[in-house]
């Protein structure tokens, strides 16, 4: 039985410990101590690797996720909701029907819209009524210059709104329109 116990060295190797018979061991270190130090080293390496992965994932989430940009956009949306603009008065125009500027195939635009302006501006309301035919003509000429591909997305329709607002405001003297509302918009 003493031969089997030689593998387990419970003594201190550094102090020149003695084995059986009072002689110093020359085997170079105990098995249990070597086992424990190797196991602890492995555990510490796994813990360090886990911490490194966690830090990298956290950093990548902050950089790639753009959470600061999302938070900023959310704050802007909330601010816009809190600063609700009062509804605009509207001036309705009759329906527009026009051909597009496409040369390969004929396409047809059908649109009905209203102009939005600040309430209680009676001078502007009167001017819009007086300039109804001018405004209608200006919009028709603008539509006749457009091709189907110029009106095939939401962004392009918004760009048309911006263009119409600018053109119509160039005619007006007693105020300005703030928005164009599409009631109907189709391109065939």
N, C-alpha and C. Protein backbone atom coordinates (compact mmCIF):
# COMPACT_ATOMS: atom_id res chain seq x y z
N UNK A 1 0.81 -1.20 0.00
CA UNK A 1 0.00 0.00 0.00
C UNK A 1 0.85 1.26 0.00
N UNK A 2 1.99 1.30 0.66
CA UNK A 2 2.82 2.50 0.63
C UNK A 2 3.26 2.85 -0.78
N UNK A 3 3.40 1.86 -1.68
CA UNK A 3 3.82 2.20 -3.03
C UNK A 3 2.77 3.03 -3.76
N UNK A 4 1.47 2.76 -3.52
CA UNK A 4 0.40 3.52 -4.17
C UNK A 4 0.31 4.94 -3.65
N UNK A 5 0.64 5.16 -2.44
CA UNK A 5 0.56 6.47 -1.83
C UNK A 5 1.69 7.39 -2.24
N UNK A 6 2.72 6.85 -2.87
CA UNK A 6 3.85 7.68 -3.29
C UNK A 6 3.43 8.70 -4.34
N UNK A 7 2.38 8.42 -5.11
CA UNK A 7 1.94 9.35 -6.15
C UNK A 7 1.34 10.61 -5.54
N UNK A 8 0.84 10.52 -4.33
CA UNK A 8 0.24 11.68 -3.69
C UNK A 8 1.23 12.27 -2.72
N UNK A 9 1.73 13.45 -3.02
CA UNK A 9 2.68 14.11 -2.16
C UNK A 9 1.96 15.24 -1.46
N UNK A 10 1.67 15.07 -0.21
CA UNK A 10 0.96 16.07 0.56
C UNK A 10 1.90 17.05 1.23
N UNK A 11 3.18 16.85 1.11
CA UNK A 11 4.17 17.69 1.76
C UNK A 11 4.54 18.87 0.90
N UNK A 12 5.38 19.73 1.44
CA UNK A 12 5.85 20.91 0.73
C UNK A 12 7.11 20.56 -0.02
N UNK A 13 7.10 20.68 -1.35
CA UNK A 13 8.25 20.32 -2.16
C UNK A 13 9.36 21.33 -2.05
N UNK A 14 9.07 22.58 -1.78
CA UNK A 14 10.08 23.60 -1.81
C UNK A 14 11.02 23.54 -0.62
N UNK A 15 10.58 23.07 0.47
CA UNK A 15 11.42 23.06 1.66
C UNK A 15 12.34 21.86 1.74
N UNK A 16 12.52 21.11 0.69
CA UNK A 16 13.38 19.93 0.72
C UNK A 16 12.76 18.85 1.56
N UNK A 17 11.43 18.65 1.43
CA UNK A 17 10.73 17.67 2.23
C UNK A 17 11.30 16.29 2.06
N UNK A 18 11.06 15.49 3.06
CA UNK A 18 11.62 14.16 3.05
C UNK A 18 10.56 13.15 2.75
N UNK A 19 10.91 12.17 1.99
CA UNK A 19 10.00 11.07 1.70
C UNK A 19 10.23 9.98 2.70
N UNK A 20 10.01 8.73 2.30
CA UNK A 20 10.22 7.60 3.19
C UNK A 20 11.70 7.46 3.51
N UNK A 21 11.98 7.13 4.71
CA UNK A 21 13.36 6.86 5.12
C UNK A 21 14.15 8.12 5.34
N UNK A 22 13.51 9.33 5.39
CA UNK A 22 14.23 10.54 5.69
C UNK A 22 15.03 11.07 4.53
N UNK A 23 14.89 10.56 3.33
CA UNK A 23 15.65 11.05 2.20
C UNK A 23 14.82 12.08 1.45
N UNK A 24 15.45 13.08 0.89
CA UNK A 24 14.76 14.11 0.09
C UNK A 24 14.31 13.50 -1.22
N UNK A 25 13.09 13.93 -1.67
CA UNK A 25 12.58 13.41 -2.93
C UNK A 25 13.29 14.06 -4.09
N UNK A 26 13.52 13.30 -5.09
CA UNK A 26 14.19 13.85 -6.26
C UNK A 26 13.30 13.76 -7.49
N UNK A 27 12.00 13.52 -7.28
CA UNK A 27 11.11 13.34 -8.43
C UNK A 27 10.68 14.65 -9.06
N UNK A 28 10.82 15.81 -8.44
CA UNK A 28 10.55 17.11 -9.07
C UNK A 28 9.17 17.65 -8.80
N UNK A 29 8.48 17.35 -7.73
CA UNK A 29 7.20 17.97 -7.40
C UNK A 29 6.13 16.95 -7.22
N UNK A 30 5.14 17.30 -6.39
CA UNK A 30 4.09 16.36 -6.06
C UNK A 30 3.00 16.34 -7.10
N UNK A 31 2.33 15.21 -7.23
CA UNK A 31 1.28 15.02 -8.22
C UNK A 31 0.04 15.84 -7.94
N UNK A 32 -0.41 15.88 -6.66
CA UNK A 32 -1.62 16.62 -6.30
C UNK A 32 -1.43 18.12 -6.52
N UNK A 33 -0.28 18.60 -6.14
CA UNK A 33 0.01 20.03 -6.30
C UNK A 33 0.04 20.40 -7.78
N UNK A 34 0.66 19.55 -8.58
CA UNK A 34 0.73 19.78 -10.02
C UNK A 34 -0.68 19.73 -10.62
N UNK A 35 -1.49 18.78 -10.17
CA UNK A 35 -2.86 18.64 -10.66
C UNK A 35 -3.69 19.88 -10.33
N UNK A 36 -3.60 20.32 -9.06
CA UNK A 36 -4.39 21.48 -8.64
C UNK A 36 -3.94 22.75 -9.36
N UNK A 37 -2.65 22.95 -9.51
CA UNK A 37 -2.18 24.17 -10.18
C UNK A 37 -2.57 24.16 -11.66
N UNK A 38 -2.55 23.01 -12.30
CA UNK A 38 -2.97 22.91 -13.71
C UNK A 38 -4.46 23.16 -13.85
N UNK A 39 -5.25 22.63 -12.96
CA UNK A 39 -6.70 22.81 -13.00
C UNK A 39 -7.07 24.27 -12.74
N UNK A 40 -6.43 24.87 -11.75
CA UNK A 40 -6.71 26.27 -11.45
C UNK A 40 -6.31 27.15 -12.62
N UNK A 41 -5.20 26.84 -13.24
CA UNK A 41 -4.76 27.60 -14.40
C UNK A 41 -5.77 27.51 -15.53
N UNK A 42 -6.28 26.31 -15.78
CA UNK A 42 -7.28 26.14 -16.84
C UNK A 42 -8.56 26.92 -16.52
N UNK A 43 -9.02 26.85 -15.28
CA UNK A 43 -10.22 27.57 -14.87
C UNK A 43 -10.02 29.06 -15.04
N UNK A 44 -8.86 29.55 -14.62
CA UNK A 44 -8.59 30.99 -14.77
C UNK A 44 -8.53 31.40 -16.24
N UNK A 45 -8.00 30.54 -17.10
CA UNK A 45 -7.95 30.85 -18.54
C UNK A 45 -9.37 30.90 -19.11
N UNK A 46 -10.23 29.96 -18.73
CA UNK A 46 -11.61 29.97 -19.21
C UNK A 46 -12.36 31.21 -18.72
N UNK A 47 -12.16 31.59 -17.48
CA UNK A 47 -12.81 32.78 -16.94
C UNK A 47 -12.34 34.02 -17.69
N UNK A 48 -11.01 34.12 -17.93
CA UNK A 48 -10.47 35.27 -18.66
C UNK A 48 -11.02 35.31 -20.08
N UNK A 49 -11.12 34.16 -20.74
CA UNK A 49 -11.67 34.11 -22.10
C UNK A 49 -13.14 34.52 -22.09
N UNK A 50 -13.88 34.08 -21.10
CA UNK A 50 -15.30 34.45 -21.00
C UNK A 50 -15.47 35.95 -20.80
N UNK A 51 -14.64 36.53 -19.95
CA UNK A 51 -14.71 37.98 -19.71
C UNK A 51 -14.35 38.73 -20.99
N UNK A 52 -13.33 38.26 -21.70
CA UNK A 52 -12.93 38.91 -22.95
C UNK A 52 -14.07 38.85 -23.98
N UNK A 53 -14.71 37.71 -24.12
CA UNK A 53 -15.84 37.58 -25.06
C UNK A 53 -16.98 38.52 -24.66
N UNK A 54 -17.28 38.60 -23.38
CA UNK A 54 -18.34 39.49 -22.90
C UNK A 54 -18.01 40.95 -23.23
N UNK A 55 -16.78 41.36 -22.99
CA UNK A 55 -16.39 42.76 -23.27
C UNK A 55 -16.46 43.05 -24.77
N UNK A 56 -15.99 42.12 -25.59
CA UNK A 56 -16.05 42.31 -27.05
C UNK A 56 -17.50 42.40 -27.51
N UNK A 57 -18.36 41.53 -27.01
CA UNK A 57 -19.77 41.55 -27.39
C UNK A 57 -20.44 42.85 -26.97
N UNK A 58 -20.11 43.31 -25.78
CA UNK A 58 -20.67 44.56 -25.28
C UNK A 58 -20.22 45.73 -26.15
N UNK A 59 -18.94 45.77 -26.47
CA UNK A 59 -18.39 46.85 -27.30
C UNK A 59 -19.01 46.80 -28.71
N UNK A 60 -19.11 45.61 -29.29
CA UNK A 60 -19.69 45.46 -30.63
C UNK A 60 -21.16 45.88 -30.63
N UNK A 61 -21.86 45.56 -29.57
CA UNK A 61 -23.28 45.95 -29.48
C UNK A 61 -23.44 47.45 -29.42
N UNK A 62 -22.56 48.11 -28.71
CA UNK A 62 -22.63 49.57 -28.62
C UNK A 62 -22.27 50.22 -29.94
N UNK A 63 -21.25 49.69 -30.60
CA UNK A 63 -20.78 50.28 -31.85
C UNK A 63 -21.71 49.94 -33.01
N UNK A 64 -22.02 48.68 -33.16
CA UNK A 64 -22.81 48.24 -34.31
C UNK A 64 -24.29 48.49 -34.15
N UNK A 65 -24.78 48.43 -32.95
CA UNK A 65 -26.21 48.58 -32.73
C UNK A 65 -26.68 50.01 -32.88
N UNK A 66 -25.80 50.96 -32.71
CA UNK A 66 -26.18 52.36 -32.82
C UNK A 66 -27.24 52.75 -31.81
N UNK A 67 -27.15 52.21 -30.61
CA UNK A 67 -28.19 52.47 -29.63
C UNK A 67 -28.26 53.95 -29.29
N UNK A 68 -27.15 54.64 -29.32
CA UNK A 68 -27.18 56.08 -29.04
C UNK A 68 -27.96 56.80 -30.13
N UNK A 69 -27.76 56.39 -31.38
CA UNK A 69 -28.49 57.02 -32.49
C UNK A 69 -29.98 56.70 -32.38
N UNK A 70 -30.31 55.47 -31.99
CA UNK A 70 -31.71 55.09 -31.84
C UNK A 70 -32.36 55.88 -30.70
N UNK A 71 -31.62 56.03 -29.61
CA UNK A 71 -32.14 56.80 -28.49
C UNK A 71 -32.36 58.25 -28.88
N UNK A 72 -31.44 58.81 -29.66
CA UNK A 72 -31.56 60.19 -30.11
C UNK A 72 -32.76 60.35 -31.04
N UNK A 73 -32.94 59.41 -31.97
CA UNK A 73 -34.08 59.46 -32.88
C UNK A 73 -35.39 59.33 -32.11
N UNK A 74 -35.41 58.45 -31.12
CA UNK A 74 -36.60 58.28 -30.30
C UNK A 74 -36.93 59.57 -29.55
N UNK A 75 -35.89 60.22 -29.01
CA UNK A 75 -36.10 61.48 -28.29
C UNK A 75 -36.64 62.56 -29.22
N UNK A 76 -36.15 62.59 -30.44
CA UNK A 76 -36.64 63.58 -31.41
C UNK A 76 -38.11 63.30 -31.76
N UNK A 77 -38.46 62.03 -31.94
CA UNK A 77 -39.85 61.68 -32.23
C UNK A 77 -40.76 62.08 -31.08
N UNK A 78 -40.31 61.81 -29.86
CA UNK A 78 -41.09 62.19 -28.68
C UNK A 78 -41.27 63.71 -28.62
N UNK A 79 -40.21 64.44 -28.91
CA UNK A 79 -40.27 65.90 -28.89
C UNK A 79 -41.25 66.41 -29.95
N UNK A 80 -41.22 65.81 -31.12
CA UNK A 80 -42.14 66.21 -32.19
C UNK A 80 -43.59 65.94 -31.79
N UNK A 81 -43.82 64.82 -31.11
CA UNK A 81 -45.18 64.53 -30.66
C UNK A 81 -45.64 65.51 -29.60
N UNK A 82 -44.71 65.93 -28.74
CA UNK A 82 -45.07 66.87 -27.68
C UNK A 82 -45.35 68.26 -28.25
N UNK A 83 -44.69 68.62 -29.34
CA UNK A 83 -44.87 69.92 -29.96
C UNK A 83 -45.83 69.77 -31.15
N UNK A 84 -47.00 69.33 -30.88
CA UNK A 84 -47.98 69.09 -31.94
C UNK A 84 -48.37 70.42 -32.57
N UNK A 85 -48.24 70.46 -33.88
CA UNK A 85 -48.64 71.65 -34.61
C UNK A 85 -50.16 71.65 -34.75
N UNK A 86 -50.76 72.80 -34.67
CA UNK A 86 -52.20 72.84 -34.86
C UNK A 86 -52.54 72.47 -36.30
N UNK A 87 -53.73 71.94 -36.52
CA UNK A 87 -54.10 71.57 -37.89
C UNK A 87 -54.17 72.81 -38.79
N UNK A 88 -53.84 72.58 -40.03
CA UNK A 88 -53.84 73.66 -41.00
C UNK A 88 -55.22 73.78 -41.65
N UNK A 89 -55.54 74.98 -42.09
CA UNK A 89 -56.72 75.16 -42.93
C UNK A 89 -56.37 74.60 -44.30
N UNK A 90 -57.36 74.13 -45.03
CA UNK A 90 -57.07 73.53 -46.33
C UNK A 90 -57.85 74.24 -47.44
N UNK A 91 -57.21 74.25 -48.57
CA UNK A 91 -57.82 74.80 -49.79
C UNK A 91 -57.81 73.68 -50.82
N UNK A 92 -58.99 73.20 -51.17
CA UNK A 92 -59.10 72.06 -52.07
C UNK A 92 -59.04 72.50 -53.52
N UNK A 93 -58.33 71.70 -54.31
CA UNK A 93 -58.25 71.92 -55.75
C UNK A 93 -58.98 70.78 -56.44
N UNK A 94 -59.44 71.03 -57.65
CA UNK A 94 -60.14 69.95 -58.36
C UNK A 94 -59.14 68.90 -58.82
N UNK A 95 -59.64 67.78 -59.28
CA UNK A 95 -58.83 66.64 -59.66
C UNK A 95 -57.95 66.96 -60.87
N UNK A 96 -56.71 66.48 -60.82
CA UNK A 96 -55.77 66.64 -61.93
C UNK A 96 -55.67 65.33 -62.69
N UNK A 97 -55.72 65.42 -64.02
CA UNK A 97 -55.49 64.27 -64.88
C UNK A 97 -54.53 64.73 -65.97
N UNK A 98 -53.42 64.00 -66.09
CA UNK A 98 -52.38 64.44 -67.01
C UNK A 98 -51.59 63.24 -67.51
N UNK A 99 -51.00 63.38 -68.67
CA UNK A 99 -50.07 62.38 -69.18
C UNK A 99 -48.68 62.67 -68.62
N UNK A 100 -47.89 61.62 -68.49
CA UNK A 100 -46.52 61.81 -68.03
C UNK A 100 -45.63 62.20 -69.22
N UNK A 101 -44.39 62.52 -68.94
CA UNK A 101 -43.44 62.91 -69.98
C UNK A 101 -42.75 61.71 -70.62
N UNK A 102 -43.16 60.49 -70.28
CA UNK A 102 -42.54 59.30 -70.85
C UNK A 102 -42.76 59.26 -72.36
N UNK A 103 -41.72 58.87 -73.12
CA UNK A 103 -41.84 58.82 -74.57
C UNK A 103 -42.07 57.40 -75.07
N UNK A 104 -41.60 56.40 -74.34
CA UNK A 104 -41.75 55.02 -74.79
C UNK A 104 -43.16 54.49 -74.60
N UNK A 105 -43.79 54.82 -73.50
CA UNK A 105 -45.14 54.35 -73.19
C UNK A 105 -45.91 55.51 -72.56
N UNK A 106 -47.17 55.58 -72.88
CA UNK A 106 -48.00 56.64 -72.30
C UNK A 106 -48.47 56.21 -70.91
N UNK A 107 -48.23 57.08 -69.95
CA UNK A 107 -48.72 56.84 -68.59
C UNK A 107 -49.60 58.02 -68.20
N UNK A 108 -50.52 57.74 -67.30
CA UNK A 108 -51.53 58.70 -66.93
C UNK A 108 -51.46 58.98 -65.43
N UNK A 109 -51.45 60.26 -65.06
CA UNK A 109 -51.43 60.66 -63.65
C UNK A 109 -52.82 61.15 -63.28
N UNK A 110 -53.29 60.65 -62.17
CA UNK A 110 -54.56 61.13 -61.62
C UNK A 110 -54.29 61.53 -60.18
N UNK A 111 -54.61 62.79 -59.85
CA UNK A 111 -54.24 63.29 -58.53
C UNK A 111 -55.29 64.29 -58.05
N UNK A 112 -55.59 64.22 -56.79
CA UNK A 112 -56.43 65.21 -56.13
C UNK A 112 -55.68 65.64 -54.88
N UNK A 113 -55.60 66.96 -54.69
CA UNK A 113 -54.85 67.45 -53.55
C UNK A 113 -55.47 68.69 -52.96
N UNK A 114 -55.02 68.98 -51.74
CA UNK A 114 -55.41 70.19 -51.02
C UNK A 114 -54.15 70.89 -50.55
N UNK A 115 -54.25 72.18 -50.41
CA UNK A 115 -53.14 72.99 -49.93
C UNK A 115 -53.39 73.33 -48.47
N UNK A 116 -52.39 73.15 -47.63
CA UNK A 116 -52.52 73.45 -46.21
C UNK A 116 -51.84 74.77 -45.88
N UNK A 117 -52.55 75.62 -45.15
CA UNK A 117 -52.01 76.93 -44.78
C UNK A 117 -52.48 77.28 -43.37
N UNK A 118 -51.84 78.29 -42.79
CA UNK A 118 -52.15 78.70 -41.42
C UNK A 118 -53.59 79.19 -41.33
N UNK A 119 -54.27 78.70 -40.28
CA UNK A 119 -55.66 79.13 -40.07
C UNK A 119 -55.73 80.63 -39.80
N UNK A 120 -56.86 81.20 -40.03
CA UNK A 120 -57.16 82.61 -39.76
C UNK A 120 -56.42 83.58 -40.67
N UNK A 121 -55.82 83.08 -41.74
CA UNK A 121 -55.19 83.98 -42.71
C UNK A 121 -56.20 84.19 -43.85
N UNK A 122 -57.12 85.13 -43.61
CA UNK A 122 -58.18 85.37 -44.59
C UNK A 122 -57.66 85.97 -45.88
N UNK A 123 -56.59 86.76 -45.80
CA UNK A 123 -56.00 87.31 -47.02
C UNK A 123 -55.45 86.20 -47.91
N UNK A 124 -54.79 85.23 -47.32
CA UNK A 124 -54.26 84.11 -48.10
C UNK A 124 -55.39 83.26 -48.67
N UNK A 125 -56.42 83.04 -47.89
CA UNK A 125 -57.56 82.27 -48.37
C UNK A 125 -58.18 82.94 -49.60
N UNK A 126 -58.32 84.25 -49.53
CA UNK A 126 -58.86 85.00 -50.67
C UNK A 126 -57.92 84.91 -51.86
N UNK A 127 -56.62 85.06 -51.60
CA UNK A 127 -55.65 85.00 -52.70
C UNK A 127 -55.64 83.62 -53.35
N UNK A 128 -55.73 82.56 -52.56
CA UNK A 128 -55.78 81.21 -53.13
C UNK A 128 -57.00 81.04 -54.03
N UNK A 129 -58.13 81.59 -53.61
CA UNK A 129 -59.34 81.53 -54.44
C UNK A 129 -59.15 82.29 -55.74
N UNK A 130 -58.53 83.47 -55.65
CA UNK A 130 -58.31 84.29 -56.84
C UNK A 130 -57.28 83.66 -57.79
N UNK A 131 -56.31 82.95 -57.24
CA UNK A 131 -55.24 82.37 -58.05
C UNK A 131 -55.48 80.88 -58.34
N UNK A 132 -56.66 80.40 -58.13
CA UNK A 132 -56.98 78.98 -58.32
C UNK A 132 -56.54 78.49 -59.69
N UNK A 133 -56.86 79.21 -60.73
CA UNK A 133 -56.52 78.77 -62.09
C UNK A 133 -55.00 78.83 -62.32
N UNK A 134 -54.32 79.84 -61.77
CA UNK A 134 -52.86 79.91 -61.89
C UNK A 134 -52.21 78.72 -61.19
N UNK A 135 -52.69 78.42 -60.01
CA UNK A 135 -52.13 77.31 -59.24
C UNK A 135 -52.39 75.99 -59.97
N UNK A 136 -53.59 75.83 -60.48
CA UNK A 136 -53.93 74.62 -61.23
C UNK A 136 -53.00 74.47 -62.43
N UNK A 137 -52.80 75.54 -63.17
CA UNK A 137 -51.93 75.52 -64.35
C UNK A 137 -50.49 75.19 -63.96
N UNK A 138 -50.01 75.78 -62.90
CA UNK A 138 -48.65 75.54 -62.42
C UNK A 138 -48.47 74.06 -62.06
N UNK A 139 -49.44 73.48 -61.41
CA UNK A 139 -49.36 72.06 -61.04
C UNK A 139 -49.43 71.17 -62.28
N UNK A 140 -50.31 71.51 -63.22
CA UNK A 140 -50.41 70.72 -64.46
C UNK A 140 -49.09 70.73 -65.24
N UNK A 141 -48.48 71.89 -65.36
CA UNK A 141 -47.19 71.98 -66.07
C UNK A 141 -46.11 71.17 -65.35
N UNK A 142 -46.14 71.20 -64.05
CA UNK A 142 -45.15 70.43 -63.27
C UNK A 142 -45.37 68.94 -63.48
N UNK A 143 -46.62 68.49 -63.45
CA UNK A 143 -46.91 67.07 -63.66
C UNK A 143 -46.56 66.62 -65.07
N UNK A 144 -46.78 67.47 -66.07
CA UNK A 144 -46.47 67.11 -67.45
C UNK A 144 -44.97 66.89 -67.68
N UNK A 145 -44.13 67.42 -66.83
CA UNK A 145 -42.68 67.25 -66.93
C UNK A 145 -42.20 65.96 -66.27
N UNK A 146 -43.05 65.33 -65.51
CA UNK A 146 -42.66 64.15 -64.73
C UNK A 146 -42.85 62.88 -65.55
N UNK A 147 -41.91 61.94 -65.36
CA UNK A 147 -42.03 60.60 -65.93
C UNK A 147 -42.57 59.67 -64.84
N UNK A 148 -43.01 58.52 -65.25
CA UNK A 148 -43.56 57.57 -64.28
C UNK A 148 -42.53 57.25 -63.20
N UNK A 149 -41.28 57.07 -63.58
CA UNK A 149 -40.24 56.72 -62.60
C UNK A 149 -39.94 57.87 -61.64
N UNK A 150 -40.36 59.10 -61.98
CA UNK A 150 -40.18 60.24 -61.08
C UNK A 150 -41.22 60.25 -59.96
N UNK A 151 -42.21 59.37 -60.04
CA UNK A 151 -43.32 59.36 -59.08
C UNK A 151 -43.61 57.98 -58.50
N UNK A 152 -42.63 57.07 -58.59
CA UNK A 152 -42.91 55.67 -58.24
C UNK A 152 -42.53 55.27 -56.81
N UNK A 153 -42.18 56.22 -55.96
CA UNK A 153 -41.88 55.86 -54.57
C UNK A 153 -42.42 56.95 -53.65
N UNK A 154 -42.51 56.61 -52.38
CA UNK A 154 -43.00 57.57 -51.39
C UNK A 154 -42.08 58.78 -51.31
N UNK A 155 -40.77 58.55 -51.38
CA UNK A 155 -39.82 59.67 -51.31
C UNK A 155 -39.98 60.59 -52.51
N UNK A 156 -40.21 60.04 -53.69
CA UNK A 156 -40.37 60.87 -54.89
C UNK A 156 -41.68 61.66 -54.83
N UNK A 157 -42.70 61.09 -54.22
CA UNK A 157 -43.95 61.83 -54.04
C UNK A 157 -43.76 62.95 -53.03
N UNK A 158 -42.95 62.71 -52.00
CA UNK A 158 -42.62 63.77 -51.04
C UNK A 158 -41.81 64.86 -51.72
N UNK A 159 -40.89 64.48 -52.60
CA UNK A 159 -40.11 65.47 -53.35
C UNK A 159 -41.02 66.33 -54.23
N UNK A 160 -42.04 65.72 -54.83
CA UNK A 160 -43.01 66.48 -55.62
C UNK A 160 -43.77 67.46 -54.74
N UNK A 161 -44.16 67.02 -53.56
CA UNK A 161 -44.82 67.93 -52.61
C UNK A 161 -43.95 69.15 -52.33
N UNK A 162 -42.68 68.90 -52.02
CA UNK A 162 -41.75 70.00 -51.70
C UNK A 162 -41.61 70.95 -52.89
N UNK A 163 -41.53 70.38 -54.08
CA UNK A 163 -41.42 71.20 -55.30
C UNK A 163 -42.67 72.06 -55.50
N UNK A 164 -43.84 71.46 -55.30
CA UNK A 164 -45.10 72.21 -55.48
C UNK A 164 -45.23 73.32 -54.44
N UNK A 165 -44.86 73.04 -53.21
CA UNK A 165 -44.93 74.06 -52.16
C UNK A 165 -44.06 75.25 -52.55
N UNK A 166 -42.86 74.98 -53.02
CA UNK A 166 -41.94 76.05 -53.40
C UNK A 166 -42.48 76.86 -54.58
N UNK A 167 -43.00 76.17 -55.59
CA UNK A 167 -43.54 76.86 -56.77
C UNK A 167 -44.77 77.70 -56.43
N UNK A 168 -45.68 77.14 -55.67
CA UNK A 168 -46.91 77.86 -55.33
C UNK A 168 -46.60 79.05 -54.44
N UNK A 169 -45.70 78.86 -53.47
CA UNK A 169 -45.34 79.98 -52.59
C UNK A 169 -44.66 81.10 -53.38
N UNK A 170 -44.06 80.77 -54.51
CA UNK A 170 -43.47 81.80 -55.38
C UNK A 170 -44.53 82.70 -56.01
N UNK A 171 -45.75 82.22 -56.09
CA UNK A 171 -46.86 83.03 -56.64
C UNK A 171 -47.52 83.92 -55.58
N UNK A 172 -47.52 83.47 -54.36
CA UNK A 172 -48.34 84.09 -53.32
C UNK A 172 -47.69 85.33 -52.72
N UNK A 173 -48.56 86.29 -52.33
CA UNK A 173 -48.09 87.53 -51.73
C UNK A 173 -48.60 87.73 -50.30
N UNK A 174 -49.67 87.05 -49.93
CA UNK A 174 -50.30 87.27 -48.63
C UNK A 174 -50.11 86.12 -47.65
N UNK A 175 -49.01 85.44 -47.76
CA UNK A 175 -48.74 84.31 -46.88
C UNK A 175 -48.13 83.18 -47.68
N UNK A 176 -48.14 82.00 -47.09
CA UNK A 176 -47.55 80.85 -47.77
C UNK A 176 -48.32 79.59 -47.40
N UNK A 177 -48.20 78.59 -48.26
CA UNK A 177 -48.77 77.29 -47.92
C UNK A 177 -47.69 76.50 -47.19
N UNK A 178 -48.11 75.70 -46.23
CA UNK A 178 -47.17 74.95 -45.42
C UNK A 178 -47.11 73.48 -45.82
N UNK A 179 -48.13 73.00 -46.51
CA UNK A 179 -48.13 71.58 -46.87
C UNK A 179 -49.05 71.35 -48.05
N UNK A 180 -48.84 70.23 -48.70
CA UNK A 180 -49.71 69.74 -49.76
C UNK A 180 -50.20 68.38 -49.30
N UNK A 181 -51.49 68.16 -49.34
CA UNK A 181 -52.08 66.90 -48.91
C UNK A 181 -52.62 66.16 -50.14
N UNK A 182 -52.10 64.97 -50.37
CA UNK A 182 -52.61 64.13 -51.46
C UNK A 182 -53.87 63.44 -50.97
N UNK A 183 -54.95 63.67 -51.64
CA UNK A 183 -56.18 62.93 -51.33
C UNK A 183 -56.28 61.70 -52.24
N UNK A 184 -55.71 61.83 -53.42
CA UNK A 184 -55.66 60.72 -54.37
C UNK A 184 -54.42 60.92 -55.21
N UNK A 185 -53.72 59.82 -55.49
CA UNK A 185 -52.51 59.91 -56.30
C UNK A 185 -52.29 58.55 -56.96
N UNK A 186 -52.43 58.51 -58.27
CA UNK A 186 -52.19 57.26 -58.98
C UNK A 186 -51.53 57.54 -60.32
N UNK A 187 -50.65 56.62 -60.71
CA UNK A 187 -49.98 56.70 -62.00
C UNK A 187 -50.21 55.36 -62.69
N UNK A 188 -50.82 55.38 -63.85
CA UNK A 188 -51.11 54.14 -64.61
C UNK A 188 -50.23 54.06 -65.83
